[in-house]
Protein backbone atom coordinates (compact mmCIF):
# COMPACT_ATOMS: atom_id res chain seq x y z
CA MET A 1 -16.08 102.42 101.80
CA LYS A 2 -17.57 104.20 105.09
CA THR A 3 -21.13 104.28 105.77
CA ALA A 4 -23.30 105.30 108.54
CA VAL A 5 -26.08 103.00 109.82
CA SER A 6 -28.61 103.62 113.13
CA LEU A 7 -28.83 100.59 115.32
CA PRO A 8 -31.17 100.15 118.26
CA ASP A 9 -28.87 100.37 121.24
CA ARG A 10 -29.12 97.17 122.69
CA LEU A 11 -27.91 95.75 119.21
CA TYR A 12 -24.84 98.28 119.09
CA SER A 13 -24.06 96.93 122.97
CA ASP A 14 -24.14 93.34 121.91
CA ALA A 15 -22.03 93.85 118.61
CA GLU A 16 -19.65 95.65 120.79
CA LYS A 17 -19.21 92.65 123.04
CA THR A 18 -19.28 90.38 120.10
CA ALA A 19 -16.57 92.09 118.40
CA LYS A 20 -14.49 92.40 121.28
CA ALA A 21 -14.65 88.85 122.05
CA MET A 22 -13.79 87.83 118.60
CA GLY A 23 -11.33 90.35 118.90
CA ILE A 24 -11.80 92.12 115.86
CA PRO A 25 -13.06 95.81 115.06
CA ARG A 26 -16.69 96.48 115.25
CA SER A 27 -16.66 97.30 111.21
CA GLN A 28 -15.42 94.31 110.91
CA LEU A 29 -18.12 92.31 112.65
CA PHE A 30 -20.81 94.20 110.91
CA ALA A 31 -19.12 93.37 107.61
CA LEU A 32 -19.09 89.62 108.10
CA ALA A 33 -22.48 89.67 109.81
CA LEU A 34 -23.65 91.39 106.42
CA LYS A 35 -21.94 89.05 104.05
CA GLU A 36 -23.75 85.82 105.89
CA PHE A 37 -27.26 87.52 105.77
CA ILE A 38 -26.52 88.20 102.12
CA ASN A 39 -25.09 84.40 101.32
CA GLN A 40 -28.11 82.99 103.23
CA HIS A 41 -30.38 85.43 101.12
CA LYS A 42 -29.18 84.06 97.76
CA LYS A 43 -29.08 80.19 99.02
CA GLU A 44 -33.20 80.82 100.05
CA ARG A 45 -33.61 82.55 96.32
CA ILE A 46 -31.75 79.42 94.90
CA THR A 47 -34.15 77.16 96.67
CA GLU A 48 -37.26 79.15 95.72
CA GLN A 49 -36.19 79.07 91.96
CA LEU A 50 -35.42 75.40 92.03
CA ASN A 51 -39.02 74.62 93.58
CA GLU A 52 -40.35 76.52 91.08
CA VAL A 53 -38.59 74.53 88.38
CA TYR A 54 -39.59 71.33 89.87
CA GLY A 55 -42.97 72.05 90.95
CA ASN A 56 -44.10 72.40 87.50
CA ILE A 57 -43.02 68.97 86.52
CA ASN A 58 -45.89 66.29 86.01
CA ILE A 59 -44.90 62.90 86.78
CA GLU A 60 -47.47 60.31 87.00
CA PRO A 61 -47.01 58.35 90.28
CA SER A 62 -46.51 55.10 88.58
CA THR A 63 -43.83 56.98 86.28
CA LEU A 64 -42.34 58.23 89.84
CA ASN A 65 -42.32 54.89 91.63
CA GLU A 66 -40.50 52.97 88.41
CA ALA A 67 -38.06 55.41 88.37
CA MET A 68 -37.36 55.14 92.15
CA SER A 69 -37.24 51.39 92.11
CA LEU A 70 -34.48 49.42 93.67
CA GLU A 71 -33.48 47.74 89.99
CA SER A 72 -33.46 51.30 88.58
CA ILE A 73 -31.26 52.59 91.21
CA ARG A 74 -28.77 49.44 90.79
CA GLU A 75 -28.83 50.06 87.25
CA LEU A 76 -28.08 53.85 87.72
CA THR A 77 -25.24 53.42 90.27
CA GLN A 78 -23.69 50.25 88.81
CA ASN A 79 -20.12 51.70 87.64
CA ASP A 80 -20.50 54.38 90.70
CA ALA A 81 -17.00 53.81 92.78
CA TRP A 82 -18.23 54.38 96.57
């Protein structure tokens, strides 16, 4: 799909140089950059959602210490093939 986008002159010039150095058309560079930006934004949103979920969990410090104890970890990983 074709679209028109306004860019500052400096950004356009840098994009031209980068596309030429990569040996790809400028439009492909823009598509790759946009795809990477969108993927990064999705990752950030997932992190935000996980922080919301785990931020609402109330664990008593003594329970957390017990869950993270060396003995507890050994029990949880005893059948793991490392």
